[in-house]
Amino acid sequence: MFSCVALEWGKANGDIAEDITAYGKSLGQIGHRMFTDGKDLVVIDEWPDADTFNKFFAGAAKMGEFLSGAGVVGDQR
């Protein structure tokens, strides 16, 4: 789970989130859902297969900036 700081940072830096989303869709991402209870955030992505997800995660140039800015720590996979 991620802190809701991630939601706030994502909203304030929408261009980065949009770039990451567009890249994911270009690779065939099926779905991206976020759920929160106001304290924690759970993100669920749906991909055709694990290889496609790994390609996305490795190639999303702004992913590190997004995760760092959103305060996400630890393994994000």
PDB file of N, CA and C in Angstrom:
ATOM      1  N   MET A   1       0.835  -1.178   0.000  1.00  0.00           N
ATOM      2  CA  MET A   1       0.000   0.000   0.000  1.00  0.00           C
ATOM      3  C   MET A   1       0.880   1.242   0.000  1.00  0.00           C
ATOM      4  N   PHE A   2       0.378   2.275  -0.600  1.00  0.00           N
ATOM      5  CA  PHE A   2       1.091   3.533  -0.690  1.00  0.00           C
ATOM      6  C   PHE A   2       0.337   4.601   0.076  1.00  0.00           C
ATOM      7  N   SER A   3       1.060   5.527   0.623  1.00  0.00           N
ATOM      8  CA  SER A   3       0.451   6.649   1.323  1.00  0.00           C
ATOM      9  C   SER A   3      -0.365   7.489   0.343  1.00  0.00           C
ATOM     10  N   CYS A   4      -1.397   8.148   0.828  1.00  0.00           N
ATOM     11  CA  CYS A   4      -2.202   9.015  -0.030  1.00  0.00           C
ATOM     12  C   CYS A   4      -1.439  10.244  -0.483  1.00  0.00           C
ATOM     13  N   VAL A   5      -0.242  10.452   0.031  1.00  0.00           N
ATOM     14  CA  VAL A   5       0.626  11.505  -0.493  1.00  0.00           C
ATOM     15  C   VAL A   5       0.830  11.259  -1.987  1.00  0.00           C
ATOM     16  N   ALA A   6       0.839   9.992  -2.392  1.00  0.00           N
ATOM     17  CA  ALA A   6       1.013   9.639  -3.801  1.00  0.00           C
ATOM     18  C   ALA A   6      -0.098  10.228  -4.656  1.00  0.00           C
ATOM     19  N   LEU A   7      -1.319  10.176  -4.181  1.00  0.00           N
ATOM     20  CA  LEU A   7      -2.437  10.758  -4.932  1.00  0.00           C
ATOM     21  C   LEU A   7      -2.277  12.257  -5.086  1.00  0.00           C
ATOM     22  N   GLU A   8      -1.932  12.921  -4.006  1.00  0.00           N
ATOM     23  CA  GLU A   8      -1.763  14.373  -4.036  1.00  0.00           C
ATOM     24  C   GLU A   8      -0.632  14.761  -4.983  1.00  0.00           C
ATOM     25  N   TRP A   9       0.496  14.043  -4.893  1.00  0.00           N
ATOM     26  CA  TRP A   9       1.639  14.357  -5.752  1.00  0.00           C
ATOM     27  C   TRP A   9       1.278  14.090  -7.201  1.00  0.00           C
ATOM     28  N   GLY A  10       0.576  12.999  -7.452  1.00  0.00           N
ATOM     29  CA  GLY A  10       0.168  12.672  -8.814  1.00  0.00           C
ATOM     30  C   GLY A  10      -0.737  13.726  -9.422  1.00  0.00           C
ATOM     31  N   LYS A  11      -1.646  14.259  -8.617  1.00  0.00           N
ATOM     32  CA  LYS A  11      -2.536  15.314  -9.108  1.00  0.00           C
ATOM     33  C   LYS A  11      -1.757  16.590  -9.421  1.00  0.00           C
ATOM     34  N   ALA A  12      -0.790  16.917  -8.580  1.00  0.00           N
ATOM     35  CA  ALA A  12      -0.001  18.138  -8.779  1.00  0.00           C
ATOM     36  C   ALA A  12       0.989  17.997  -9.926  1.00  0.00           C
ATOM     37  N   ASN A  13       1.312  16.780 -10.317  1.00  0.00           N
ATOM     38  CA  ASN A  13       2.277  16.519 -11.379  1.00  0.00           C
ATOM     39  C   ASN A  13       1.637  15.646 -12.450  1.00  0.00           C
ATOM     40  N   GLY A  14       0.464  16.049 -12.866  1.00  0.00           N
ATOM     41  CA  GLY A  14      -0.330  15.270 -13.808  1.00  0.00           C
ATOM     42  C   GLY A  14       0.352  14.964 -15.121  1.00  0.00           C
ATOM     43  N   ASP A  15       1.242  15.852 -15.567  1.00  0.00           N
ATOM     44  CA  ASP A  15       1.918  15.604 -16.840  1.00  0.00           C
ATOM     45  C   ASP A  15       2.795  14.359 -16.771  1.00  0.00           C
ATOM     46  N   ILE A  16       3.422  14.129 -15.638  1.00  0.00           N
ATOM     47  CA  ILE A  16       4.259  12.939 -15.480  1.00  0.00           C
ATOM     48  C   ILE A  16       3.377  11.696 -15.459  1.00  0.00           C
ATOM     49  N   ALA A  17       2.289  11.750 -14.714  1.00  0.00           N
ATOM     50  CA  ALA A  17       1.362  10.620 -14.654  1.00  0.00           C
ATOM     51  C   ALA A  17       0.779  10.329 -16.036  1.00  0.00           C
ATOM     52  N   GLU A  18       0.451  11.366 -16.789  1.00  0.00           N
ATOM     53  CA  GLU A  18      -0.105  11.187 -18.136  1.00  0.00           C
ATOM     54  C   GLU A  18       0.909  10.532 -19.065  1.00  0.00           C
ATOM     55  N   ASP A  19       2.178  10.921 -18.978  1.00  0.00           N
ATOM     56  CA  ASP A  19       3.225  10.308 -19.799  1.00  0.00           C
ATOM     57  C   ASP A  19       3.360   8.821 -19.483  1.00  0.00           C
ATOM     58  N   ILE A  20       3.346   8.486 -18.198  1.00  0.00           N
ATOM     59  CA  ILE A  20       3.469   7.089 -17.784  1.00  0.00           C
ATOM     60  C   ILE A  20       2.254   6.296 -18.255  1.00  0.00           C
ATOM     61  N   THR A  21       1.069   6.867 -18.119  1.00  0.00           N
ATOM     62  CA  THR A  21      -0.160   6.209 -18.557  1.00  0.00           C
ATOM     63  C   THR A  21      -0.153   5.963 -20.056  1.00  0.00           C
ATOM     64  N   ALA A  22       0.244   6.966 -20.824  1.00  0.00           N
ATOM     65  CA  ALA A  22       0.293   6.817 -22.285  1.00  0.00           C
ATOM     66  C   ALA A  22       1.284   5.726 -22.693  1.00  0.00           C
ATOM     67  N   TYR A  23       2.417   5.670 -22.013  1.00  0.00           N
ATOM     68  CA  TYR A  23       3.396   4.641 -22.306  1.00  0.00           C
ATOM     69  C   TYR A  23       2.817   3.251 -22.005  1.00  0.00           C
ATOM     70  N   GLY A  24       2.156   3.121 -20.876  1.00  0.00           N
ATOM     71  CA  GLY A  24       1.541   1.843 -20.529  1.00  0.00           C
ATOM     72  C   GLY A  24       0.509   1.412 -21.554  1.00  0.00           C
ATOM     73  N   LYS A  25      -0.346   2.322 -21.967  1.00  0.00           N
ATOM     74  CA  LYS A  25      -1.364   1.996 -22.965  1.00  0.00           C
ATOM     75  C   LYS A  25      -0.728   1.595 -24.286  1.00  0.00           C
ATOM     76  N   SER A  26       0.392   2.226 -24.643  1.00  0.00           N
ATOM     77  CA  SER A  26       1.056   1.892 -25.908  1.00  0.00           C
ATOM     78  C   SER A  26       1.601   0.469 -25.901  1.00  0.00           C
ATOM     79  N   LEU A  27       1.847  -0.070 -24.699  1.00  0.00           N
ATOM     80  CA  LEU A  27       2.355  -1.436 -24.581  1.00  0.00           C
ATOM     81  C   LEU A  27       1.237  -2.458 -24.395  1.00  0.00           C
ATOM     82  N   GLY A  28       0.005  -1.984 -24.221  1.00  0.00           N
ATOM     83  CA  GLY A  28      -1.122  -2.891 -24.096  1.00  0.00           C
ATOM     84  C   GLY A  28      -1.700  -3.038 -22.705  1.00  0.00           C
ATOM     85  N   GLN A  29      -1.413  -2.075 -21.826  1.00  0.00           N
ATOM     86  CA  GLN A  29      -1.996  -2.134 -20.478  1.00  0.00           C
ATOM     87  C   GLN A  29      -3.512  -2.233 -20.589  1.00  0.00           C
ATOM     88  N   ILE A  30      -4.088  -3.166 -19.844  1.00  0.00           N
ATOM     89  CA  ILE A  30      -5.527  -3.419 -19.910  1.00  0.00           C
ATOM     90  C   ILE A  30      -6.288  -2.532 -18.923  1.00  0.00           C
ATOM     91  N   GLY A  31      -5.763  -2.375 -17.725  1.00  0.00           N
ATOM     92  CA  GLY A  31      -6.461  -1.579 -16.725  1.00  0.00           C
ATOM     93  C   GLY A  31      -5.524  -1.031 -15.667  1.00  0.00           C
ATOM     94  N   HIS A  32      -5.970   0.021 -15.002  1.00  0.00           N
ATOM     95  CA  HIS A  32      -5.206   0.670 -13.931  1.00  0.00           C
ATOM     96  C   HIS A  32      -6.232   1.200 -12.938  1.00  0.00           C
ATOM     97  N   ARG A  33      -6.246   0.641 -11.741  1.00  0.00           N
ATOM     98  CA  ARG A  33      -7.217   1.046 -10.736  1.00  0.00           C
ATOM     99  C   ARG A  33      -6.499   1.470  -9.470  1.00  0.00           C
ATOM    100  N   MET A  34      -7.061   2.471  -8.810  1.00  0.00           N
ATOM    101  CA  MET A  34      -6.521   2.925  -7.531  1.00  0.00           C
ATOM    102  C   MET A  34      -7.664   2.944  -6.527  1.00  0.00           C
ATOM    103  N   PHE A  35      -7.375   2.445  -5.341  1.00  0.00           N
ATOM    104  CA  PHE A  35      -8.352   2.407  -4.262  1.00  0.00           C
ATOM    105  C   PHE A  35      -7.726   3.022  -3.025  1.00  0.00           C
ATOM    106  N   THR A  36      -8.522   3.802  -2.290  1.00  0.00           N
ATOM    107  CA  THR A  36      -8.005   4.419  -1.073  1.00  0.00           C
ATOM    108  C   THR A  36      -9.078   4.451   0.003  1.00  0.00           C
ATOM    109  N   ASP A  37      -8.620   4.399   1.223  1.00  0.00           N
ATOM    110  CA  ASP A  37      -9.511   4.583   2.362  1.00  0.00           C
ATOM    111  C   ASP A  37      -9.260   5.951   2.996  1.00  0.00           C
ATOM    112  N   GLY A  38      -8.520   6.800   2.295  1.00  0.00           N
ATOM    113  CA  GLY A  38      -8.175   8.116   2.808  1.00  0.00           C
ATOM    114  C   GLY A  38      -6.849   8.116   3.545  1.00  0.00           C
ATOM    115  N   LYS A  39      -6.332   6.949   3.823  1.00  0.00           N
ATOM    116  CA  LYS A  39      -5.043   6.823   4.513  1.00  0.00           C
ATOM    117  C   LYS A  39      -4.042   6.083   3.637  1.00  0.00           C
ATOM    118  N   ASP A  40      -4.449   4.936   3.123  1.00  0.00           N
ATOM    119  CA  ASP A  40      -3.588   4.111   2.290  1.00  0.00           C
ATOM    120  C   ASP A  40      -4.120   4.065   0.872  1.00  0.00           C
ATOM    121  N   LEU A  41      -3.230   3.730  -0.043  1.00  0.00           N
ATOM    122  CA  LEU A  41      -3.581   3.643  -1.458  1.00  0.00           C
ATOM    123  C   LEU A  41      -3.098   2.306  -1.993  1.00  0.00           C
ATOM    124  N   VAL A  42      -3.980   1.615  -2.701  1.00  0.00           N
ATOM    125  CA  VAL A  42      -3.631   0.364  -3.365  1.00  0.00           C
ATOM    126  C   VAL A  42      -3.808   0.584  -4.860  1.00  0.00           C
ATOM    127  N   VAL A  43      -2.784   0.212  -5.634  1.00  0.00           N
ATOM    128  CA  VAL A  43      -2.823   0.352  -7.085  1.00  0.00           C
ATOM    129  C   VAL A  43      -2.798  -1.040  -7.697  1.00  0.00           C
ATOM    130  N   ILE A  44      -3.746  -1.311  -8.598  1.00  0.00           N
ATOM    131  CA  ILE A  44      -3.819  -2.591  -9.280  1.00  0.00           C
ATOM    132  C   ILE A  44      -3.763  -2.339 -10.783  1.00  0.00           C
ATOM    133  N   ASP A  45      -2.757  -2.902 -11.418  1.00  0.00           N
ATOM    134  CA  ASP A  45      -2.629  -2.817 -12.872  1.00  0.00           C
ATOM    135  C   ASP A  45      -2.957  -4.168 -13.474  1.00  0.00           C
ATOM    136  N   GLU A  46      -3.531  -4.145 -14.661  1.00  0.00           N
ATOM    137  CA  GLU A  46      -3.812  -5.377 -15.391  1.00  0.00           C
ATOM    138  C   GLU A  46      -3.066  -5.329 -16.722  1.00  0.00           C
ATOM    139  N   TRP A  47      -2.288  -6.374 -16.966  1.00  0.00           N
ATOM    140  CA  TRP A  47      -1.441  -6.472 -18.153  1.00  0.00           C
ATOM    141  C   TRP A  47      -1.703  -7.790 -18.870  1.00  0.00           C
ATOM    142  N   PRO A  48      -1.404  -7.853 -20.161  1.00  0.00           N
ATOM    143  CA  PRO A  48      -1.598  -9.109 -20.887  1.00  0.00           C
ATOM    144  C   PRO A  48      -0.750 -10.251 -20.318  1.00  0.00           C
ATOM    145  N   ASP A  49       0.454  -9.909 -19.818  1.00  0.00           N
ATOM    146  CA  ASP A  49       1.337 -10.925 -19.244  1.00  0.00           C
ATOM    147  C   ASP A  49       2.439 -10.230 -18.447  1.00  0.00           C
ATOM    148  N   ALA A  50       3.195 -11.020 -17.690  1.00  0.00           N
ATOM    149  CA  ALA A  50       4.250 -10.472 -16.829  1.00  0.00           C
ATOM    150  C   ALA A  50       5.360  -9.811 -17.636  1.00  0.00           C
ATOM    151  N   ASP A  51       5.692 -10.365 -18.784  1.00  0.00           N
ATOM    152  CA  ASP A  51       6.766  -9.780 -19.601  1.00  0.00           C
ATOM    153  C   ASP A  51       6.423  -8.361 -20.046  1.00  0.00           C
ATOM    154  N   THR A  52       5.180  -8.140 -20.409  1.00  0.00           N
ATOM    155  CA  THR A  52       4.757  -6.796 -20.832  1.00  0.00           C
ATOM    156  C   THR A  52       4.848  -5.816 -19.667  1.00  0.00           C
ATOM    157  N   PHE A  53       4.400  -6.251 -18.487  1.00  0.00           N
ATOM    158  CA  PHE A  53       4.514  -5.389 -17.313  1.00  0.00           C
ATOM    159  C   PHE A  53       5.978  -5.062 -17.024  1.00  0.00           C
ATOM    160  N   ASN A  54       6.841  -6.063 -17.048  1.00  0.00           N
ATOM    161  CA  ASN A  54       8.258  -5.830 -16.773  1.00  0.00           C
ATOM    162  C   ASN A  54       8.884  -4.888 -17.789  1.00  0.00           C
ATOM    163  N   LYS A  55       8.484  -5.007 -19.048  1.00  0.00           N
ATOM    164  CA  LYS A  55       8.968  -4.083 -20.083  1.00  0.00           C
ATOM    165  C   LYS A  55       8.507  -2.658 -19.763  1.00  0.00           C
ATOM    166  N   PHE A  56       7.251  -2.521 -19.368  1.00  0.00           N
ATOM    167  CA  PHE A  56       6.713  -1.211 -19.000  1.00  0.00           C
ATOM    168  C   PHE A  56       7.494  -0.611 -17.832  1.00  0.00           C
ATOM    169  N   PHE A  57       7.632  -1.394 -16.771  1.00  0.00           N
ATOM    170  CA  PHE A  57       8.257  -0.865 -15.563  1.00  0.00           C
ATOM    171  C   PHE A  57       9.710  -0.479 -15.820  1.00  0.00           C
ATOM    172  N   ALA A  58      10.410  -1.263 -16.632  1.00  0.00           N
ATOM    173  CA  ALA A  58      11.813  -0.973 -16.945  1.00  0.00           C
ATOM    174  C   ALA A  58      11.960   0.212 -17.892  1.00  0.00           C
ATOM    175  N   GLY A  59      10.956   0.434 -18.747  1.00  0.00           N
ATOM    176  CA  GLY A  59      11.086   1.461 -19.775  1.00  0.00           C
ATOM    177  C   GLY A  59      10.363   2.764 -19.504  1.00  0.00           C
ATOM    178  N   ALA A  60       9.609   2.847 -18.420  1.00  0.00           N
ATOM    179  CA  ALA A  60       8.880   4.078 -18.108  1.00  0.00           C
ATOM    180  C   ALA A  60       9.870   5.095 -17.556  1.00  0.00           C
ATOM    181  N   ALA A  61      10.343   5.962 -18.424  1.00  0.00           N
ATOM    182  CA  ALA A  61      11.423   6.892 -18.091  1.00  0.00           C
ATOM    183  C   ALA A  61      11.132   7.747 -16.861  1.00  0.00           C
ATOM    184  N   LYS A  62       9.894   8.105 -16.654  1.00  0.00           N
ATOM    185  CA  LYS A  62       9.554   9.002 -15.545  1.00  0.00           C
ATOM    186  C   LYS A  62       9.026   8.265 -14.317  1.00  0.00           C
ATOM    187  N   MET A  63       9.044   6.935 -14.352  1.00  0.00           N
ATOM    188  CA  MET A  63       8.508   6.162 -13.228  1.00  0.00           C
ATOM    189  C   MET A  63       9.273   6.450 -11.936  1.00  0.00           C
ATOM    190  N   GLY A  64      10.591   6.475 -12.003  1.00  0.00           N
ATOM    191  CA  GLY A  64      11.389   6.753 -10.807  1.00  0.00           C
ATOM    192  C   GLY A  64      11.066   8.108 -10.216  1.00  0.00           C
ATOM    193  N   GLU A  65      10.939   9.116 -11.075  1.00  0.00           N
ATOM    194  CA  GLU A  65      10.601  10.468 -10.612  1.00  0.00           C
ATOM    195  C   GLU A  65       9.220  10.479  -9.961  1.00  0.00           C
ATOM    196  N   PHE A  66       8.279   9.769 -10.575  1.00  0.00           N
ATOM    197  CA  PHE A  66       6.932   9.723 -10.025  1.00  0.00           C
ATOM    198  C   PHE A  66       6.912   9.033  -8.669  1.00  0.00           C
ATOM    199  N   LEU A  67       7.512   7.858  -8.584  1.00  0.00           N
ATOM    200  CA  LEU A  67       7.501   7.106  -7.328  1.00  0.00           C
ATOM    201  C   LEU A  67       8.227   7.848  -6.219  1.00  0.00           C
ATOM    202  N   SER A  68       9.372   8.445  -6.541  1.00  0.00           N
ATOM    203  CA  SER A  68      10.125   9.197  -5.552  1.00  0.00           C
ATOM    204  C   SER A  68       9.334  10.415  -5.073  1.00  0.00           C
ATOM    205  N   GLY A  69       8.787  11.165  -6.013  1.00  0.00           N
ATOM    206  CA  GLY A  69       8.009  12.357  -5.663  1.00  0.00           C
ATOM    207  C   GLY A  69       6.763  12.037  -4.866  1.00  0.00           C
ATOM    208  N   ALA A  70       6.202  10.861  -5.131  1.00  0.00           N
ATOM    209  CA  ALA A  70       4.977  10.452  -4.440  1.00  0.00           C
ATOM    210  C   ALA A  70       5.269   9.853  -3.077  1.00  0.00           C
ATOM    211  N   GLY A  71       6.552   9.708  -2.759  1.00  0.00           N
ATOM    212  CA  GLY A  71       6.918   9.182  -1.452  1.00  0.00           C
ATOM    213  C   GLY A  71       6.858   7.685  -1.335  1.00  0.00           C
ATOM    214  N   VAL A  72       6.837   6.994  -2.478  1.00  0.00           N
ATOM    215  CA  VAL A  72       6.774   5.535  -2.478  1.00  0.00           C
ATOM    216  C   VAL A  72       8.179   4.992  -2.208  1.00  0.00           C
ATOM    217  N   VAL A  73       8.265   4.084  -1.271  1.00  0.00           N
ATOM    218  CA  VAL A  73       9.551   3.463  -0.933  1.00  0.00           C
ATOM    219  C   VAL A  73       9.404   1.945  -0.980  1.00  0.00           C
ATOM    220  N   GLY A  74      10.513   1.257  -1.129  1.00  0.00           N
ATOM    221  CA  GLY A  74      10.484  -0.198  -1.172  1.00  0.00           C
ATOM    222  C   GLY A  74      10.179  -0.713  -2.555  1.00  0.00           C
ATOM    223  N   ASP A  75       9.917  -2.012  -2.638  1.00  0.00           N
ATOM    224  CA  ASP A  75       9.642  -2.668  -3.905  1.00  0.00           C
ATOM    225  C   ASP A  75       8.231  -2.326  -4.364  1.00  0.00           C
ATOM    226  N   GLN A  76       8.106  -1.738  -5.544  1.00  0.00           N
ATOM    227  CA  GLN A  76       6.815  -1.316  -6.054  1.00  0.00           C
ATOM    228  C   GLN A  76       6.144  -2.382  -6.916  1.00  0.00           C
ATOM    229  N   ARG A  77       6.804  -3.490  -7.138  1.00  0.00           N
ATOM    230  CA  ARG A  77       6.208  -4.519  -7.980  1.00  0.00           C
ATOM    231  C   ARG A  77       5.394  -5.382  -7.102  1.00  0.00           C
TER     232      ARG A  77
END
